[in-house]
N, C-alpha and C. Protein backbone atom coordinates (compact mmCIF):
# COMPACT_ATOMS: atom_id res chain seq x y z
N UNK A 1 -14.69 -27.72 9.47
CA UNK A 1 -14.01 -27.26 8.53
C UNK A 1 -13.35 -25.93 8.58
N UNK A 2 -12.26 -25.88 8.65
CA UNK A 2 -11.55 -24.43 9.01
C UNK A 2 -10.67 -23.92 7.70
N UNK A 3 -10.97 -22.58 7.57
CA UNK A 3 -10.17 -22.17 6.34
C UNK A 3 -9.22 -20.96 6.83
N UNK A 4 -8.12 -21.19 6.36
CA UNK A 4 -6.84 -20.34 6.72
C UNK A 4 -7.20 -18.90 6.27
N UNK A 5 -6.90 -18.03 7.28
CA UNK A 5 -6.97 -16.75 6.88
C UNK A 5 -5.83 -16.05 6.41
N UNK A 6 -5.63 -15.39 5.28
CA UNK A 6 -4.58 -14.52 4.97
C UNK A 6 -4.48 -13.06 5.03
N UNK A 7 -3.68 -12.58 5.89
CA UNK A 7 -3.94 -11.21 6.15
C UNK A 7 -3.54 -10.38 5.11
N UNK A 8 -3.86 -8.94 5.03
CA UNK A 8 -3.32 -8.33 3.93
C UNK A 8 -1.57 -8.04 4.00
N UNK A 9 -1.24 -7.99 5.28
CA UNK A 9 0.17 -7.83 5.60
C UNK A 9 0.84 -9.40 4.91
N UNK A 10 0.25 -10.42 5.35
CA UNK A 10 0.90 -11.65 4.83
C UNK A 10 0.97 -11.59 3.20
N UNK A 11 -0.35 -11.50 2.82
CA UNK A 11 -0.19 -11.41 1.25
C UNK A 11 0.78 -10.58 0.66
N UNK A 12 0.95 -9.12 0.99
CA UNK A 12 1.88 -8.27 0.73
C UNK A 12 3.46 -9.00 0.77
N UNK A 13 3.50 -9.56 2.07
CA UNK A 13 4.92 -10.11 2.17
C UNK A 13 5.25 -11.31 1.28
N UNK A 14 4.15 -12.20 0.92
CA UNK A 14 4.33 -13.17 -0.04
C UNK A 14 4.59 -12.72 -1.45
N UNK A 15 3.83 -11.49 -1.75
CA UNK A 15 4.02 -11.07 -3.11
C UNK A 15 5.55 -10.36 -3.26
N UNK A 16 6.10 -9.62 -2.27
CA UNK A 16 7.43 -9.09 -2.49
C UNK A 16 8.30 -10.39 -2.29
N UNK A 17 8.30 -11.44 -1.72
CA UNK A 17 9.02 -12.70 -1.98
C UNK A 17 8.98 -13.14 -3.22
N UNK A 18 7.79 -13.30 -3.81
CA UNK A 18 7.64 -13.83 -5.25
C UNK A 18 8.42 -12.81 -6.02
N UNK A 19 8.29 -11.67 -6.06
CA UNK A 19 9.10 -10.66 -6.85
C UNK A 19 10.71 -10.69 -6.83
N UNK A 20 11.26 -11.23 -5.64
CA UNK A 20 12.64 -11.57 -5.22
C UNK A 20 12.96 -12.94 -5.90
N UNK A 21 11.87 -13.96 -5.80
CA UNK A 21 12.16 -15.14 -6.64
C UNK A 21 12.27 -15.08 -7.89
N UNK A 22 11.34 -14.17 -8.43
CA UNK A 22 11.56 -13.64 -10.02
C UNK A 22 12.81 -13.08 -10.31
N UNK A 23 13.54 -12.62 -9.45
CA UNK A 23 14.82 -11.86 -9.84
C UNK A 23 14.49 -10.31 -10.29
N UNK A 24 13.31 -9.80 -9.84
CA UNK A 24 13.17 -8.28 -10.06
C UNK A 24 14.26 -7.60 -9.46
N UNK A 25 14.40 -6.48 -10.05
CA UNK A 25 15.55 -5.54 -9.57
C UNK A 25 15.14 -5.03 -8.27
N UNK A 26 16.08 -4.84 -7.62
CA UNK A 26 15.91 -4.53 -6.05
C UNK A 26 15.10 -3.10 -5.99
N UNK A 27 15.36 -2.21 -6.63
CA UNK A 27 14.61 -0.85 -6.90
C UNK A 27 12.97 -1.08 -6.96
N UNK A 28 12.78 -1.94 -7.82
CA UNK A 28 11.14 -2.47 -8.06
C UNK A 28 10.64 -3.05 -6.94
N UNK A 29 11.54 -3.84 -6.41
CA UNK A 29 10.90 -4.58 -5.15
C UNK A 29 10.54 -3.60 -4.17
N UNK A 30 11.68 -2.64 -3.80
CA UNK A 30 11.37 -1.74 -2.60
C UNK A 30 10.48 -0.80 -3.12
N UNK A 31 10.12 -0.30 -4.21
CA UNK A 31 9.00 0.59 -4.65
C UNK A 31 7.69 -0.18 -4.38
N UNK A 32 7.53 -1.61 -4.91
CA UNK A 32 6.40 -2.27 -4.68
C UNK A 32 5.93 -2.37 -3.20
N UNK A 33 6.90 -2.81 -2.33
CA UNK A 33 6.81 -2.65 -1.02
C UNK A 33 6.36 -1.38 -0.19
N UNK A 34 6.68 -0.35 -0.99
CA UNK A 34 6.36 1.02 -0.09
C UNK A 34 4.96 1.20 -0.47
N UNK A 35 4.48 0.86 -1.87
CA UNK A 35 3.09 1.00 -2.15
C UNK A 35 2.13 -0.11 -1.54
N UNK A 36 2.78 -1.20 -1.14
CA UNK A 36 1.91 -2.16 -0.45
C UNK A 36 1.85 -1.70 1.05
N UNK A 37 2.72 -1.03 1.72
CA UNK A 37 2.92 -0.67 3.06
C UNK A 37 1.57 0.59 3.02
N UNK A 38 1.15 1.08 2.08
CA UNK A 38 -0.02 2.31 2.28
C UNK A 38 -1.15 1.53 2.32
N UNK A 39 -1.16 0.31 1.58
CA UNK A 39 -2.56 -0.38 1.86
C UNK A 39 -2.73 -1.27 3.05
N UNK A 40 -1.49 -1.47 3.62
CA UNK A 40 -1.82 -2.20 5.04
C UNK A 40 -1.76 -1.17 6.16
N UNK A 41 -1.24 0.04 6.06
CA UNK A 41 -1.79 0.95 6.81
C UNK A 41 -2.91 1.55 6.65
N UNK A 42 -3.57 1.47 5.76
CA UNK A 42 -5.17 1.92 5.31
C UNK A 42 -6.06 0.89 5.80
N UNK A 43 -5.79 -0.28 5.36
CA UNK A 43 -6.73 -1.50 5.92
C UNK A 43 -6.48 -2.06 7.20
N UNK A 44 -5.16 -1.86 7.65
CA UNK A 44 -4.74 -2.78 9.05
C UNK A 44 -4.17 -3.96 8.55
N UNK A 45 -3.17 -4.16 9.10
CA UNK A 45 -2.25 -5.35 8.86
C UNK A 45 -2.92 -6.68 9.02
N UNK A 46 -3.54 -6.75 9.92
CA UNK A 46 -4.68 -8.08 10.17
C UNK A 46 -6.00 -8.09 9.44
N UNK A 47 -6.22 -7.22 8.74
CA UNK A 47 -7.26 -7.50 7.68
C UNK A 47 -7.43 -8.80 7.00
N UNK A 48 -8.36 -9.78 7.14
CA UNK A 48 -8.47 -10.80 5.91
C UNK A 48 -8.51 -10.32 4.56
N UNK A 49 -7.61 -10.80 3.80
CA UNK A 49 -7.72 -10.19 2.28
C UNK A 49 -8.58 -10.46 1.54
N UNK A 50 -9.47 -11.65 1.98
CA UNK A 50 -10.89 -12.24 1.45
C UNK A 50 -11.92 -11.41 1.73
N UNK A 51 -11.66 -10.51 2.71
CA UNK A 51 -12.77 -9.85 3.16
C UNK A 51 -12.56 -8.30 2.60
N UNK A 52 -11.76 -8.03 1.67
CA UNK A 52 -11.49 -6.71 0.99
C UNK A 52 -12.32 -6.61 -0.12
N UNK A 53 -13.33 -5.86 -0.13
CA UNK A 53 -14.18 -5.99 -1.38
C UNK A 53 -13.96 -4.57 -2.26
N UNK A 54 -14.54 -4.63 -3.42
CA UNK A 54 -14.32 -3.65 -4.27
C UNK A 54 -14.40 -2.18 -3.77
N UNK A 55 -15.49 -2.19 -3.03
CA UNK A 55 -16.07 -0.94 -2.34
C UNK A 55 -14.88 -0.29 -1.59
N UNK A 56 -14.14 -1.12 -0.81
CA UNK A 56 -13.08 -1.00 0.25
C UNK A 56 -11.78 -0.59 -0.81
N UNK A 57 -11.64 -1.08 -1.78
CA UNK A 57 -10.53 -0.57 -2.69
C UNK A 57 -10.62 0.52 -3.20
N UNK A 58 -12.01 0.93 -3.58
CA UNK A 58 -12.28 1.97 -4.08
C UNK A 58 -12.11 3.30 -3.22
N UNK A 59 -12.46 3.01 -1.95
CA UNK A 59 -12.25 3.93 -0.91
C UNK A 59 -10.84 4.23 -0.68
N UNK A 60 -9.97 3.04 -0.89
CA UNK A 60 -8.80 3.48 -0.48
C UNK A 60 -7.93 4.16 -1.63
N UNK A 61 -8.30 3.92 -2.80
CA UNK A 61 -7.84 4.65 -4.01
C UNK A 61 -8.11 6.28 -3.78
N UNK A 62 -9.47 6.47 -3.21
CA UNK A 62 -9.73 7.74 -3.04
C UNK A 62 -9.07 8.44 -1.71
N UNK A 63 -8.44 7.70 -1.00
CA UNK A 63 -7.87 8.11 0.31
C UNK A 63 -6.95 9.04 0.16
N UNK A 64 -6.36 9.84 1.22
CA UNK A 64 -5.45 10.67 1.33
C UNK A 64 -4.12 9.91 1.23
N UNK A 65 -4.18 8.59 1.84
CA UNK A 65 -2.84 7.87 1.56
C UNK A 65 -2.40 7.82 0.13
N UNK A 66 -3.42 7.66 -0.63
CA UNK A 66 -2.98 7.49 -2.21
C UNK A 66 -2.59 8.67 -2.67
N UNK A 67 -3.63 9.64 -2.64
CA UNK A 67 -3.60 10.80 -3.15
C UNK A 67 -2.69 12.20 -2.66
N UNK A 68 -2.49 11.95 -1.36
CA UNK A 68 -1.66 12.94 -0.71
C UNK A 68 -0.33 12.53 -0.21
N UNK A 69 0.91 13.53 -0.40
CA UNK A 69 2.08 13.34 0.35
C UNK A 69 2.10 13.99 1.52
N UNK A 70 2.01 13.45 2.54
CA UNK A 70 1.84 14.13 3.87
C UNK A 70 3.36 13.81 4.61
N UNK A 71 4.11 14.93 5.12
CA UNK A 71 5.06 14.95 5.78
C UNK A 71 4.81 15.52 7.07
N UNK A 72 5.44 14.82 8.41
CA UNK A 72 5.24 15.41 9.61
C UNK A 72 6.43 16.38 9.40
N UNK A 73 6.21 17.54 10.44
CA UNK A 73 7.11 18.66 10.53
C UNK A 73 8.19 18.41 11.12
N UNK A 74 9.48 19.14 10.86
CA UNK A 74 10.67 18.88 11.10
C UNK A 74 10.93 19.24 12.62
N UNK A 75 10.19 20.67 12.91
CA UNK A 75 10.45 21.22 13.99
C UNK A 75 8.79 21.15 14.81
N UNK A 76 8.92 21.21 16.02
CA UNK A 76 7.72 21.22 16.83
C UNK A 76 6.97 22.38 16.62
N UNK A 77 5.86 22.47 16.35
CA UNK A 77 4.83 23.73 16.31
C UNK A 77 4.84 24.02 14.68
N UNK A 78 5.60 23.22 13.80
CA UNK A 78 5.19 23.77 12.29
C UNK A 78 4.07 22.96 12.03
N UNK A 79 3.55 23.25 11.19
CA UNK A 79 2.41 22.38 10.41
C UNK A 79 2.85 21.36 9.38
N UNK A 80 2.22 20.23 9.36
CA UNK A 80 2.37 19.30 8.34
C UNK A 80 2.53 19.91 7.06
N UNK A 81 3.31 19.27 6.10
CA UNK A 81 3.70 19.58 4.81
C UNK A 81 2.65 18.60 3.91
N UNK A 82 1.74 19.03 3.24
CA UNK A 82 0.98 18.43 2.44
C UNK A 82 0.75 18.83 0.83
N UNK A 83 0.87 18.13 0.37
CA UNK A 83 0.84 18.02 -1.36
C UNK A 83 0.41 16.99 -2.09
N UNK A 84 -0.59 17.24 -3.00
CA UNK A 84 -1.03 16.06 -3.93
C UNK A 84 0.22 15.22 -4.37
N UNK A 85 0.01 13.92 -4.50
CA UNK A 85 0.85 12.97 -5.09
C UNK A 85 0.67 13.26 -6.60
N UNK A 86 1.90 13.00 -7.46
CA UNK A 86 1.89 12.97 -8.96
C UNK A 86 0.70 12.23 -9.44
N UNK A 87 0.16 12.41 -10.48
CA UNK A 87 -0.52 11.17 -11.04
C UNK A 87 0.06 9.93 -11.47
N UNK A 88 1.44 10.15 -11.73
CA UNK A 88 2.21 8.90 -12.08
C UNK A 88 2.32 8.23 -10.76
N UNK A 89 2.49 8.58 -9.70
CA UNK A 89 2.43 7.97 -8.54
C UNK A 89 1.20 7.20 -7.85
N UNK A 90 0.24 8.13 -8.25
CA UNK A 90 -1.23 7.52 -7.76
C UNK A 90 -1.30 6.54 -8.74
N UNK A 91 -1.19 6.31 -9.97
CA UNK A 91 -1.45 5.34 -10.70
C UNK A 91 -0.43 4.18 -10.42
N UNK A 92 0.78 4.38 -10.15
CA UNK A 92 1.50 3.21 -10.05
C UNK A 92 1.03 2.62 -8.60
N UNK A 93 0.80 3.28 -7.45
CA UNK A 93 -0.09 2.87 -6.53
C UNK A 93 -1.03 1.74 -6.89
N UNK A 94 -2.03 2.18 -7.82
CA UNK A 94 -3.08 1.25 -8.14
C UNK A 94 -2.88 0.21 -8.72
N UNK A 95 -1.84 0.27 -9.75
CA UNK A 95 -1.36 -0.91 -10.39
C UNK A 95 -0.47 -2.09 -9.48
N UNK A 96 0.10 -1.65 -8.48
CA UNK A 96 0.84 -2.36 -7.44
C UNK A 96 -0.38 -3.25 -6.71
N UNK A 97 -1.22 -2.35 -6.26
CA UNK A 97 -2.42 -3.13 -5.50
C UNK A 97 -3.17 -3.93 -6.29
N UNK A 98 -3.41 -3.78 -7.47
CA UNK A 98 -4.20 -4.73 -8.25
C UNK A 98 -3.29 -5.97 -8.67
N UNK A 99 -2.12 -5.64 -8.73
CA UNK A 99 -1.12 -7.06 -9.17
C UNK A 99 -1.61 -8.12 -8.27
């Protein structure tokens, strides 16, 4: 008996497609996709979503990907620009991921 594995990337793509089917605003869809991309980058696109446990989600919510805005330097030799994300953005990422 085989079970079908759904990766985190597949689940995110299916969710974004569902939002489109519901007729959600394009800006909402883009925003949700951007937040889901953070999770895909954190867990890896091939991660079986069934194996993502609460402890993994908690670690994701504490990660720099969620809590810091990191921009690569525009010129070689300059440091990366790093600053905390706004509480609103952090809360939004958590809401999107829990949906």
